[in-house]
Amino acid sequence: MDAYDEGSDARHGPGGPDGSVPDDSARADSSHGTAPGEGSPQDGPGGDGPRPAPQEPATPVSALPRPAPHEPTAPARAHQGDDTDAGPGRAHERRGPDADPGHVQEGDGPDAGPEGTLPGSAPESPAPPPTGLAALSLPYQIAAALALAVVMVGACAHLALVFLHVAPSNTVTKQHGRAVDDWVYPEFEQNWKLFAPNPLQQNIAVQVRADVRTADGGRNTTGWYDLSAQDGAAIDGNLLPSHTQQNELRRAWDFYVGTHDNQNRPAGLRGDLAERYLRRVVVLRLGRADAGGKGAALERVQVRSRTTNVPPPDWSEEQLSDKPVYRELPWWTVPAAERTGADT
């Protein structure tokens, strides 16, 4: 067998093109072959016999280059998607699924989300139930809207009247001042006594007595009822006293004093209103106390005030009298409709 293939300059290994390794006898026989183009061994020069062709020494099988262990061939690398050029002697670097852009992991893709939803979108939650007026039926919604409108109109009207009461004199108050005062007084009266430079330093007690006709037809005059002391006893120890217990009697007296002079004559248009209001308050209080006995009827009432100064502190040099000062009002005849405490 020749060492070179015909028509090819590529060199093959010792085992030939198919990679087989001949044994020693085959190599020995091939050493006596002739080179291409040479004659027979008898045609050698000088008749010395055949001249062997020059050849390289044989390479041992153990010295032949071997492929790296577990090194995939080029078709295998192309199948695995490795784009690195692994040359001879370089180990193949296999890339994992995370490094392969074409690798699809579990949970990726449109099928990863809940059924019927797009990837990355939250499931649609049910709409909350209606609350407030929207939860009512149509007739109740209309009734609630009307009630709310009435309350809002009433609140706005009240604020407007109070504003006109405290505002300086203007065209509206000059023409409708009586209507404004009738709404404000006495329950919604506004004053600035709390912020006065010299606040009140007196204790004022309102007292009342009455001429009554007893059940047997006789007449009698009761003693003085200290209504302010009764109010004080009612709110003493009461954590949540009512507005009437604290302010009804006091505001009625302040209203009367502010609309009358020292001779108890009305000083303005509100004098008659203040007198009637104070009389109604004391008559109701006497009726609750059964003044004159069971079944007695009130015919006349008289109101007075008892004023005493608040004693100054010990460190003060101010000198004040501790004697009470009384102011008595004239007798007022009680109308027949008010004698039994009936409302007019």
Protein backbone atom coordinates (compact mmCIF):
# COMPACT_ATOMS: atom_id res chain seq x y z
CA MET A 1 0.00 0.00 0.00
CA ASP A 2 1.33 3.43 -0.92
CA ALA A 3 1.78 6.14 1.72
CA TYR A 4 -0.09 8.77 -0.42
CA ASP A 5 -3.42 8.57 -2.19
CA GLU A 6 -3.45 9.14 -5.84
CA GLY A 7 -4.41 12.62 -6.92
CA SER A 8 -4.37 14.08 -3.40
CA ASP A 9 -1.72 16.07 -1.57
CA ALA A 10 -3.44 15.74 1.86
CA ARG A 11 -1.58 13.64 4.29
CA HIS A 12 -3.34 10.91 6.17
CA GLY A 13 -2.32 9.33 9.40
CA PRO A 14 -0.43 6.07 9.64
CA GLY A 15 -3.63 4.16 9.56
CA GLY A 16 -4.78 5.44 6.17
CA PRO A 17 -7.82 7.40 5.22
CA ASP A 18 -10.20 5.29 7.24
CA GLY A 19 -8.23 5.81 10.48
CA SER A 20 -7.22 2.10 10.80
CA VAL A 21 -3.75 1.27 12.06
CA PRO A 22 -1.96 -1.53 10.15
CA ASP A 23 0.00 -4.06 12.07
CA ASP A 24 3.79 -4.38 11.94
CA SER A 25 3.83 -6.94 9.15
CA ALA A 26 1.79 -4.66 6.93
CA ARG A 27 4.13 -1.79 7.61
CA ALA A 28 7.10 -4.02 6.86
CA ASP A 29 5.64 -5.10 3.52
CA SER A 30 4.80 -1.53 2.59
CA SER A 31 8.43 -0.50 3.20
CA HIS A 32 9.54 -2.58 0.20
CA GLY A 33 7.09 -0.99 -2.18
CA THR A 34 8.14 1.21 -5.03
CA ALA A 35 7.48 4.86 -5.35
CA PRO A 36 5.00 5.98 -7.99
CA GLY A 37 6.58 6.20 -11.41
CA GLU A 38 9.54 3.92 -10.58
CA GLY A 39 10.36 0.63 -12.26
CA SER A 40 10.62 -2.79 -10.85
CA PRO A 41 13.23 -3.74 -8.23
CA GLN A 42 15.35 -5.27 -11.01
CA ASP A 43 15.58 -1.89 -12.75
CA GLY A 44 17.56 -0.27 -9.93
CA PRO A 45 20.85 1.44 -10.72
CA GLY A 46 23.97 -0.61 -10.80
CA GLY A 47 22.04 -3.76 -10.53
CA ASP A 48 22.34 -3.64 -6.84
CA GLY A 49 18.81 -4.66 -6.35
CA PRO A 50 15.72 -2.70 -5.48
CA ARG A 51 16.11 0.69 -3.90
CA PRO A 52 13.64 1.37 -1.11
CA ALA A 53 11.58 4.57 -1.29
CA PRO A 54 12.34 7.17 1.42
CA GLN A 55 9.65 7.43 4.11
CA GLU A 56 9.20 8.91 7.57
CA PRO A 57 9.70 6.73 10.61
CA ALA A 58 6.54 5.12 11.94
CA THR A 59 4.75 6.90 14.81
CA PRO A 60 3.67 4.78 17.79
CA VAL A 61 -0.02 4.40 18.33
CA SER A 62 0.21 5.83 21.87
CA ALA A 63 1.64 9.09 20.50
CA LEU A 64 -1.22 9.74 18.07
CA PRO A 65 -3.41 12.80 18.95
CA ARG A 66 -6.75 11.87 20.45
CA PRO A 67 -9.90 14.02 20.72
CA ALA A 68 -10.67 15.62 24.09
CA PRO A 69 -12.95 13.50 26.25
CA HIS A 70 -16.69 14.26 25.86
CA GLU A 71 -15.92 16.87 23.20
CA PRO A 72 -18.91 17.06 20.90
CA THR A 73 -18.37 17.16 17.21
CA ALA A 74 -19.27 20.16 15.08
CA PRO A 75 -22.73 18.86 14.16
CA ALA A 76 -23.47 18.22 17.85
CA ARG A 77 -22.42 21.76 18.79
CA ALA A 78 -24.60 23.22 16.10
CA HIS A 79 -27.53 21.18 17.39
CA GLN A 80 -27.05 22.43 20.95
CA GLY A 81 -27.07 26.07 19.85
CA ASP A 82 -23.44 26.78 20.93
CA ASP A 83 -22.04 29.66 18.91
CA THR A 84 -18.49 29.42 20.31
CA ASP A 85 -15.66 28.23 18.08
CA ALA A 86 -14.16 25.37 20.03
CA GLY A 87 -10.81 24.61 18.49
CA PRO A 88 -8.54 21.67 19.17
CA GLY A 89 -7.66 21.31 22.82
CA ARG A 90 -10.48 23.68 24.06
CA ALA A 91 -13.25 22.19 26.09
CA HIS A 92 -16.80 22.84 24.95
CA GLU A 93 -18.65 25.39 27.11
CA ARG A 94 -22.21 24.27 27.35
CA ARG A 95 -24.67 27.00 28.12
CA GLY A 96 -27.55 26.36 30.49
CA PRO A 97 -31.25 27.08 29.88
CA ASP A 98 -31.03 30.48 31.58
CA ALA A 99 -28.39 31.68 29.10
CA ASP A 100 -30.25 30.41 26.05
CA PRO A 101 -32.64 33.08 24.76
CA GLY A 102 -34.67 30.48 22.96
CA HIS A 103 -35.20 28.37 26.06
CA VAL A 104 -38.74 28.45 27.49
CA GLN A 105 -38.93 27.83 31.22
CA GLU A 106 -41.90 26.65 33.22
CA GLY A 107 -44.34 29.48 33.96
CA ASP A 108 -43.28 31.65 30.96
CA GLY A 109 -45.52 32.60 28.09
CA PRO A 110 -49.21 33.43 27.79
CA ASP A 111 -50.31 30.23 29.51
CA ALA A 112 -48.53 31.18 32.79
CA GLY A 113 -51.35 33.49 34.06
CA PRO A 114 -54.85 32.54 35.23
CA GLU A 115 -57.19 31.22 32.63
CA GLY A 116 -58.76 34.01 30.58
CA THR A 117 -56.26 36.73 31.63
CA LEU A 118 -53.38 38.33 29.82
CA PRO A 119 -49.80 37.94 31.06
CA GLY A 120 -48.98 40.44 33.82
CA SER A 121 -52.61 41.56 34.36
CA ALA A 122 -54.39 41.21 37.73
CA PRO A 123 -57.69 39.32 37.85
CA GLU A 124 -60.70 41.62 37.70
CA SER A 125 -62.37 42.03 41.15
CA PRO A 126 -66.16 42.29 41.49
CA ALA A 127 -67.64 45.80 41.83
CA PRO A 128 -68.35 46.85 45.47
CA PRO A 129 -71.99 47.10 46.52
CA PRO A 130 -73.52 50.61 46.53
CA THR A 131 -73.53 52.54 49.81
CA GLY A 132 -75.23 55.65 51.16
CA LEU A 133 -78.16 57.06 49.21
CA ALA A 134 -77.31 54.89 46.23
CA ALA A 135 -78.23 51.78 48.25
CA LEU A 136 -81.82 53.03 48.72
CA SER A 137 -84.67 52.56 46.32
CA LEU A 138 -85.76 55.44 44.10
CA PRO A 139 -88.66 56.68 46.32
CA TYR A 140 -86.44 56.69 49.41
CA GLN A 141 -83.68 58.46 47.50
CA ILE A 142 -86.11 61.22 46.52
CA ALA A 143 -87.37 61.56 50.11
CA ALA A 144 -83.82 61.67 51.51
CA ALA A 145 -82.78 64.29 48.93
CA LEU A 146 -85.78 66.48 49.80
CA ALA A 147 -85.10 66.20 53.54
CA LEU A 148 -81.45 67.09 53.00
CA ALA A 149 -82.45 70.08 50.88
CA VAL A 150 -84.84 71.35 53.59
CA VAL A 151 -82.15 71.05 56.26
CA MET A 152 -79.61 72.89 54.11
CA VAL A 153 -82.07 75.70 53.32
CA GLY A 154 -82.96 76.06 57.02
CA ALA A 155 -79.30 76.16 58.06
CA CYS A 156 -78.47 78.78 55.43
CA ALA A 157 -81.46 80.92 56.48
CA HIS A 158 -80.44 80.72 60.15
CA LEU A 159 -76.85 81.72 59.39
CA ALA A 160 -78.07 84.61 57.26
CA LEU A 161 -80.33 85.96 60.04
CA VAL A 162 -77.59 85.67 62.67
CA PHE A 163 -75.18 87.44 60.33
CA LEU A 164 -77.66 90.30 59.84
CA HIS A 165 -78.09 90.50 63.62
CA VAL A 166 -74.37 90.97 64.36
CA ALA A 167 -73.61 93.01 61.22
CA PRO A 168 -73.57 96.82 61.30
CA SER A 169 -76.77 98.65 60.49
CA ASN A 170 -77.63 98.38 56.81
CA THR A 171 -80.58 98.64 54.45
CA VAL A 172 -81.81 95.10 55.15
CA THR A 173 -81.72 95.46 58.94
CA LYS A 174 -83.48 98.83 58.75
CA GLN A 175 -86.38 97.36 56.78
CA HIS A 176 -86.52 93.87 58.34
CA GLY A 177 -84.89 94.41 61.72
CA ARG A 178 -88.01 93.33 63.63
CA ALA A 179 -88.15 89.97 61.81
CA VAL A 180 -84.44 89.39 62.47
CA ASP A 181 -84.81 90.18 66.18
CA ASP A 182 -87.86 87.94 66.53
CA TRP A 183 -85.83 85.03 65.15
CA VAL A 184 -82.63 85.67 67.11
CA TYR A 185 -83.99 86.66 70.53
CA PRO A 186 -83.71 85.22 73.02
CA GLU A 187 -82.34 81.77 72.14
CA PHE A 188 -79.73 82.85 69.58
CA GLU A 189 -78.65 86.18 71.02
CA GLN A 190 -75.01 87.12 70.46
CA ASN A 191 -72.93 89.18 72.89
CA TRP A 192 -69.29 89.86 73.71
CA LYS A 193 -69.31 89.74 77.52
CA LEU A 194 -66.80 86.90 77.60
CA PHE A 195 -64.22 89.14 75.91
CA ALA A 196 -65.08 92.34 77.81
CA PRO A 197 -62.15 94.25 79.34
CA ASN A 198 -63.77 93.93 82.75
CA PRO A 199 -65.75 90.63 82.96
CA LEU A 200 -68.66 90.28 85.34
CA GLN A 201 -67.57 89.97 88.95
CA GLN A 202 -70.99 89.61 90.50
CA ASN A 203 -73.34 86.80 91.43
CA ILE A 204 -76.89 87.54 90.29
CA ALA A 205 -79.75 85.41 91.59
CA VAL A 206 -83.24 85.68 90.10
CA GLN A 207 -86.08 85.24 92.59
CA VAL A 208 -89.87 85.28 92.16
CA ARG A 209 -93.01 85.25 94.25
CA ALA A 210 -96.68 85.03 93.28
CA ASP A 211 -100.23 85.91 94.31
CA VAL A 212 -102.26 82.75 93.97
CA ARG A 213 -105.89 81.74 94.34
CA THR A 214 -106.10 78.53 96.24
CA ALA A 215 -108.39 75.64 95.46
CA ASP A 216 -110.92 76.69 98.13
CA GLY A 217 -111.18 80.21 96.65
CA GLY A 218 -108.84 82.02 99.02
CA ARG A 219 -105.92 84.25 98.05
CA ASN A 220 -102.35 83.90 99.19
CA THR A 221 -98.93 85.43 98.52
CA THR A 222 -96.08 82.97 98.40
CA GLY A 223 -92.57 83.52 99.62
CA TRP A 224 -89.59 84.19 97.38
CA TYR A 225 -88.47 81.25 95.27
CA ASP A 226 -84.75 81.40 94.46
CA LEU A 227 -84.84 80.04 90.91
CA SER A 228 -81.09 80.55 90.36
CA ALA A 229 -80.31 78.45 93.44
CA GLN A 230 -82.56 75.69 92.08
CA ASP A 231 -80.67 75.73 88.76
CA GLY A 232 -77.35 75.58 90.59
CA ALA A 233 -78.46 72.59 92.64
CA ALA A 234 -79.69 70.82 89.47
CA ILE A 235 -76.35 71.10 87.67
CA ASP A 236 -74.15 70.51 90.74
CA GLY A 237 -72.38 67.20 90.12
CA ASN A 238 -74.04 66.79 86.71
CA LEU A 239 -71.40 66.07 84.07
CA LEU A 240 -73.74 66.89 81.19
CA PRO A 241 -76.20 69.60 82.30
CA SER A 242 -78.79 70.77 79.80
CA HIS A 243 -78.73 74.16 78.11
CA THR A 244 -82.00 75.22 79.78
CA GLN A 245 -80.67 74.40 83.24
CA GLN A 246 -77.62 76.57 82.71
CA ASN A 247 -78.76 79.47 80.56
CA GLU A 248 -82.54 79.80 80.21
CA LEU A 249 -83.19 81.86 83.34
CA ARG A 250 -79.92 83.78 83.16
CA ARG A 251 -80.41 84.78 79.54
CA ALA A 252 -84.04 85.80 80.17
CA TRP A 253 -82.91 88.18 82.96
CA ASP A 254 -80.05 89.61 80.87
CA PHE A 255 -82.47 90.15 78.00
CA TYR A 256 -84.83 92.11 80.25
CA VAL A 257 -82.09 94.26 81.82
CA GLY A 258 -80.67 95.09 78.39
CA THR A 259 -84.01 96.38 77.09
CA HIS A 260 -85.17 98.39 80.17
CA ASP A 261 -83.79 101.35 82.07
CA ASN A 262 -83.35 101.65 85.84
CA GLN A 263 -87.03 102.61 86.27
CA ASN A 264 -88.05 99.40 84.46
CA ARG A 265 -89.30 101.28 81.43
CA PRO A 266 -88.75 99.72 77.97
CA ALA A 267 -85.75 101.25 76.21
CA GLY A 268 -86.55 99.91 72.74
CA LEU A 269 -88.88 97.89 70.59
CA ARG A 270 -87.76 94.64 72.23
CA GLY A 271 -88.82 95.70 75.75
CA ASP A 272 -92.30 94.17 75.50
CA LEU A 273 -90.85 90.92 74.07
CA ALA A 274 -88.31 90.69 76.91
CA GLU A 275 -91.00 91.25 79.54
CA ARG A 276 -93.30 88.59 78.14
CA TYR A 277 -90.43 86.10 77.81
CA LEU A 278 -89.28 86.54 81.44
CA ARG A 279 -92.84 86.26 82.71
CA ARG A 280 -93.40 83.01 80.82
CA VAL A 281 -90.22 81.50 82.24
CA VAL A 282 -91.03 82.23 85.90
CA VAL A 283 -94.69 81.14 85.55
CA LEU A 284 -93.61 77.77 84.15
CA ARG A 285 -91.10 77.32 86.97
CA LEU A 286 -93.71 78.16 89.64
CA GLY A 287 -96.19 75.77 88.04
CA ARG A 288 -93.68 72.91 88.24
CA ALA A 289 -93.08 73.69 91.92
CA ASP A 290 -96.84 73.77 92.70
CA ALA A 291 -96.61 77.28 94.16
CA GLY A 292 -99.53 78.04 96.50
CA GLY A 293 -100.45 74.37 96.86
CA LYS A 294 -102.11 71.72 94.76
CA GLY A 295 -104.71 73.19 92.40
CA ALA A 296 -103.76 76.85 93.07
CA ALA A 297 -103.91 79.31 90.16
CA LEU A 298 -101.32 82.03 89.58
CA GLU A 299 -102.82 85.52 89.25
CA ARG A 300 -99.79 87.80 89.60
CA VAL A 301 -96.01 87.36 89.75
CA GLN A 302 -93.19 89.62 90.86
CA VAL A 303 -89.53 89.16 89.92
CA ARG A 304 -86.47 90.57 91.65
CA SER A 305 -82.73 90.15 91.42
CA ARG A 306 -80.26 89.72 94.26
CA THR A 307 -76.79 90.90 93.33
CA THR A 308 -73.68 90.27 95.45
CA ASN A 309 -70.08 91.07 94.61
CA VAL A 310 -67.57 88.27 94.17
CA PRO A 311 -65.05 88.70 97.01
CA PRO A 312 -61.57 89.62 95.79
CA PRO A 313 -58.59 87.31 96.45
CA ASP A 314 -56.57 87.67 99.62
CA TRP A 315 -53.57 89.25 97.89
CA SER A 316 -55.73 91.96 96.27
CA GLU A 317 -56.14 95.41 97.89
CA GLU A 318 -59.51 95.96 96.24
CA GLN A 319 -62.35 96.71 98.68
CA LEU A 320 -65.87 95.57 97.76
CA SER A 321 -69.13 95.55 99.69
CA ASP A 322 -70.50 92.17 100.65
CA LYS A 323 -74.08 93.40 101.12
CA PRO A 324 -76.62 92.19 98.54
CA VAL A 325 -78.40 94.67 96.28
CA TYR A 326 -82.01 94.00 95.27
CA ARG A 327 -83.89 95.15 92.23
CA GLU A 328 -87.63 94.51 92.31
CA LEU A 329 -89.82 94.62 89.24
CA PRO A 330 -93.51 95.59 89.31
CA TRP A 331 -96.24 93.01 89.64
CA TRP A 332 -97.26 91.41 86.36
CA THR A 333 -100.72 90.01 85.82
CA VAL A 334 -100.66 86.49 84.51
CA PRO A 335 -103.00 85.96 81.53
CA ALA A 336 -105.66 83.29 81.99
CA ALA A 337 -104.05 81.07 79.32
CA GLU A 338 -100.76 81.03 81.28
CA ARG A 339 -102.08 80.47 84.80
CA THR A 340 -102.08 76.69 84.48
CA GLY A 341 -98.85 76.64 82.54
CA ALA A 342 -100.57 76.24 79.17
CA ASP A 343 -98.72 77.45 76.09
CA THR A 344 -100.07 80.43 74.13
